[in-house]
Amino acid sequence: MTQDRMDSGSLPITHDFLATMLGTDRPTVSLAAGVLQRKKIIEYTRGAVKIVNRKKLEESACECYGVIQQYDGEIGLK
């Protein structure tokens, strides 16, 4: 979604803030981010997440990402 909304592959965001947004805890976000980083899908540093392989990220997302993309196109956000 970062590239969808900000035209950037980097998002200034902390694991703590992501955890709050997702309704989970920080260790869970760190664990998931570690998996995505090992798969070379993202890179993260303190306070920032960078998408390095958009295609793999989309493939690893649930089907809801495609639904959101379709909806955004229908209402003119894309």
N, C-alpha and C. Protein backbone atom coordinates (compact mmCIF):
# COMPACT_ATOMS: atom_id res chain seq x y z
N MET A 1 0.81 -1.19 0.00
CA MET A 1 0.00 0.00 0.00
C MET A 1 0.86 1.26 0.00
N THR A 2 2.07 1.18 0.51
CA THR A 2 2.92 2.36 0.53
C THR A 2 3.11 2.90 -0.88
N GLN A 3 3.50 2.04 -1.79
CA GLN A 3 3.71 2.48 -3.16
C GLN A 3 2.39 2.87 -3.81
N ASP A 4 1.31 2.29 -3.37
CA ASP A 4 0.00 2.63 -3.92
C ASP A 4 -0.41 4.05 -3.54
N ARG A 5 -0.07 4.48 -2.35
CA ARG A 5 -0.52 5.77 -1.84
C ARG A 5 0.54 6.87 -1.86
N MET A 6 1.80 6.49 -1.69
CA MET A 6 2.85 7.49 -1.52
C MET A 6 3.86 7.52 -2.66
N ASP A 7 3.73 6.65 -3.63
CA ASP A 7 4.72 6.56 -4.72
C ASP A 7 6.13 6.40 -4.18
N SER A 8 6.26 5.60 -3.14
CA SER A 8 7.55 5.36 -2.53
C SER A 8 7.62 3.92 -2.05
N GLY A 9 8.79 3.34 -2.08
CA GLY A 9 8.96 1.99 -1.58
C GLY A 9 9.33 1.96 -0.11
N SER A 10 9.48 3.13 0.50
CA SER A 10 9.89 3.21 1.89
C SER A 10 8.80 3.88 2.72
N LEU A 11 8.53 3.29 3.88
CA LEU A 11 7.50 3.82 4.76
C LEU A 11 8.11 4.09 6.13
N PRO A 12 8.09 5.35 6.56
CA PRO A 12 8.61 5.64 7.90
C PRO A 12 7.59 5.22 8.95
N ILE A 13 7.82 4.07 9.58
CA ILE A 13 6.87 3.53 10.55
C ILE A 13 7.60 2.59 11.49
N THR A 14 7.18 2.55 12.73
CA THR A 14 7.81 1.67 13.70
C THR A 14 7.01 0.38 13.86
N HIS A 15 7.67 -0.63 14.38
CA HIS A 15 7.00 -1.90 14.65
C HIS A 15 5.90 -1.69 15.68
N ASP A 16 6.16 -0.83 16.64
CA ASP A 16 5.17 -0.56 17.68
C ASP A 16 3.90 0.05 17.08
N PHE A 17 4.06 1.01 16.18
CA PHE A 17 2.89 1.63 15.54
C PHE A 17 2.15 0.62 14.67
N LEU A 18 2.89 -0.18 13.91
CA LEU A 18 2.26 -1.23 13.11
C LEU A 18 1.47 -2.19 13.98
N ALA A 19 2.04 -2.57 15.11
CA ALA A 19 1.35 -3.49 16.03
C ALA A 19 0.05 -2.88 16.51
N THR A 20 0.07 -1.61 16.85
CA THR A 20 -1.14 -0.92 17.29
C THR A 20 -2.18 -0.90 16.17
N MET A 21 -1.76 -0.58 14.96
CA MET A 21 -2.68 -0.54 13.82
C MET A 21 -3.29 -1.91 13.53
N LEU A 22 -2.50 -2.96 13.72
CA LEU A 22 -2.95 -4.31 13.39
C LEU A 22 -3.61 -5.04 14.56
N GLY A 23 -3.60 -4.42 15.73
CA GLY A 23 -4.22 -5.03 16.90
C GLY A 23 -3.46 -6.22 17.42
N THR A 24 -2.14 -6.15 17.34
CA THR A 24 -1.29 -7.24 17.84
C THR A 24 -0.19 -6.66 18.69
N ASP A 25 0.81 -7.44 19.01
CA ASP A 25 1.91 -6.92 19.81
C ASP A 25 3.17 -6.73 18.95
N ARG A 26 4.11 -5.97 19.48
CA ARG A 26 5.32 -5.64 18.75
C ARG A 26 6.15 -6.88 18.39
N PRO A 27 6.31 -7.85 19.30
CA PRO A 27 7.08 -9.05 18.93
C PRO A 27 6.50 -9.80 17.73
N THR A 28 5.19 -9.80 17.59
CA THR A 28 4.58 -10.47 16.45
C THR A 28 4.91 -9.74 15.15
N VAL A 29 4.87 -8.42 15.18
CA VAL A 29 5.24 -7.63 14.00
C VAL A 29 6.70 -7.85 13.67
N SER A 30 7.56 -7.86 14.68
CA SER A 30 8.99 -8.08 14.45
C SER A 30 9.24 -9.47 13.86
N LEU A 31 8.52 -10.47 14.34
CA LEU A 31 8.65 -11.82 13.80
C LEU A 31 8.24 -11.86 12.33
N ALA A 32 7.09 -11.29 12.00
CA ALA A 32 6.61 -11.27 10.62
C ALA A 32 7.56 -10.47 9.72
N ALA A 33 8.04 -9.34 10.22
CA ALA A 33 8.97 -8.53 9.43
C ALA A 33 10.27 -9.28 9.19
N GLY A 34 10.71 -10.05 10.18
CA GLY A 34 11.92 -10.85 10.01
C GLY A 34 11.76 -11.90 8.93
N VAL A 35 10.60 -12.54 8.91
CA VAL A 35 10.33 -13.54 7.86
C VAL A 35 10.36 -12.89 6.49
N LEU A 36 9.68 -11.75 6.35
CA LEU A 36 9.64 -11.06 5.06
C LEU A 36 11.03 -10.56 4.66
N GLN A 37 11.83 -10.16 5.62
CA GLN A 37 13.18 -9.70 5.31
C GLN A 37 14.06 -10.87 4.86
N ARG A 38 13.97 -12.00 5.54
CA ARG A 38 14.76 -13.17 5.13
C ARG A 38 14.39 -13.65 3.74
N LYS A 39 13.13 -13.46 3.35
CA LYS A 39 12.68 -13.82 2.00
C LYS A 39 13.02 -12.74 0.97
N LYS A 40 13.72 -11.69 1.43
CA LYS A 40 14.14 -10.57 0.58
C LYS A 40 12.95 -9.85 -0.07
N ILE A 41 11.88 -9.73 0.72
CA ILE A 41 10.68 -9.02 0.27
C ILE A 41 10.70 -7.59 0.79
N ILE A 42 11.17 -7.42 2.03
CA ILE A 42 11.30 -6.08 2.61
C ILE A 42 12.67 -5.95 3.26
N GLU A 43 13.03 -4.73 3.56
CA GLU A 43 14.16 -4.42 4.42
C GLU A 43 13.60 -3.50 5.49
N TYR A 44 14.03 -3.70 6.71
CA TYR A 44 13.58 -2.77 7.73
C TYR A 44 14.73 -2.35 8.61
N THR A 45 14.65 -1.13 9.02
CA THR A 45 15.58 -0.56 9.97
C THR A 45 14.73 0.11 11.03
N ARG A 46 15.35 0.61 12.03
CA ARG A 46 14.59 1.27 13.10
C ARG A 46 13.77 2.43 12.52
N GLY A 47 12.47 2.29 12.58
CA GLY A 47 11.57 3.36 12.15
C GLY A 47 11.24 3.40 10.68
N ALA A 48 11.65 2.40 9.90
CA ALA A 48 11.34 2.42 8.47
C ALA A 48 11.27 1.01 7.89
N VAL A 49 10.36 0.84 6.96
CA VAL A 49 10.21 -0.41 6.22
C VAL A 49 10.34 -0.06 4.74
N LYS A 50 11.16 -0.81 4.02
CA LYS A 50 11.35 -0.58 2.58
C LYS A 50 10.94 -1.84 1.82
N ILE A 51 10.11 -1.67 0.81
CA ILE A 51 9.70 -2.79 -0.04
C ILE A 51 10.79 -2.99 -1.08
N VAL A 52 11.35 -4.21 -1.13
CA VAL A 52 12.40 -4.48 -2.12
C VAL A 52 11.92 -5.40 -3.24
N ASN A 53 10.82 -6.13 -2.98
CA ASN A 53 10.27 -6.99 -4.03
C ASN A 53 8.74 -6.93 -3.97
N ARG A 54 8.21 -5.99 -4.72
CA ARG A 54 6.76 -5.73 -4.70
C ARG A 54 5.96 -6.97 -5.13
N LYS A 55 6.43 -7.65 -6.16
CA LYS A 55 5.71 -8.82 -6.67
C LYS A 55 5.59 -9.90 -5.60
N LYS A 56 6.69 -10.22 -4.93
CA LYS A 56 6.66 -11.22 -3.87
C LYS A 56 5.79 -10.77 -2.70
N LEU A 57 5.81 -9.48 -2.40
CA LEU A 57 4.98 -8.97 -1.31
C LEU A 57 3.50 -9.16 -1.63
N GLU A 58 3.12 -8.82 -2.85
CA GLU A 58 1.73 -9.01 -3.26
C GLU A 58 1.34 -10.49 -3.24
N GLU A 59 2.25 -11.36 -3.67
CA GLU A 59 1.98 -12.80 -3.68
C GLU A 59 1.83 -13.35 -2.26
N SER A 60 2.51 -12.77 -1.30
CA SER A 60 2.43 -13.26 0.08
C SER A 60 1.26 -12.65 0.85
N ALA A 61 0.60 -11.66 0.28
CA ALA A 61 -0.55 -11.03 0.94
C ALA A 61 -1.80 -11.89 0.75
N CYS A 62 -2.76 -11.67 1.60
CA CYS A 62 -4.03 -12.40 1.46
C CYS A 62 -4.80 -11.85 0.26
N GLU A 63 -5.88 -12.54 -0.08
CA GLU A 63 -6.69 -12.13 -1.23
C GLU A 63 -7.34 -10.76 -1.03
N CYS A 64 -7.38 -10.27 0.20
CA CYS A 64 -8.02 -8.98 0.45
C CYS A 64 -7.27 -7.84 -0.25
N TYR A 65 -5.96 -7.98 -0.49
CA TYR A 65 -5.22 -6.93 -1.18
C TYR A 65 -5.79 -6.71 -2.58
N GLY A 66 -6.06 -7.77 -3.30
CA GLY A 66 -6.64 -7.66 -4.64
C GLY A 66 -8.01 -7.04 -4.61
N VAL A 67 -8.80 -7.37 -3.61
CA VAL A 67 -10.14 -6.79 -3.46
C VAL A 67 -10.03 -5.29 -3.21
N ILE A 68 -9.10 -4.89 -2.36
CA ILE A 68 -8.90 -3.47 -2.08
C ILE A 68 -8.45 -2.74 -3.34
N GLN A 69 -7.53 -3.33 -4.10
CA GLN A 69 -7.07 -2.72 -5.35
C GLN A 69 -8.23 -2.52 -6.32
N GLN A 70 -9.06 -3.53 -6.43
CA GLN A 70 -10.21 -3.44 -7.34
C GLN A 70 -11.16 -2.34 -6.88
N TYR A 71 -11.44 -2.29 -5.60
CA TYR A 71 -12.34 -1.28 -5.05
C TYR A 71 -11.77 0.12 -5.26
N ASP A 72 -10.48 0.30 -4.98
CA ASP A 72 -9.85 1.60 -5.20
C ASP A 72 -9.97 2.06 -6.64
N GLY A 73 -9.81 1.13 -7.58
CA GLY A 73 -9.96 1.48 -8.99
C GLY A 73 -11.37 1.88 -9.33
N GLU A 74 -12.34 1.21 -8.74
CA GLU A 74 -13.74 1.50 -9.01
C GLU A 74 -14.16 2.88 -8.49
N ILE A 75 -13.57 3.31 -7.36
CA ILE A 75 -13.96 4.61 -6.83
C ILE A 75 -13.00 5.72 -7.21
N GLY A 76 -12.02 5.38 -8.05
CA GLY A 76 -11.12 6.40 -8.59
C GLY A 76 -9.93 6.76 -7.74
N LEU A 77 -9.54 5.90 -6.81
CA LEU A 77 -8.37 6.18 -5.99
C LEU A 77 -7.08 5.68 -6.59
N LYS A 78 -7.19 4.92 -7.65
CA LYS A 78 -5.99 4.36 -8.27
C LYS A 78 -5.75 4.97 -9.62
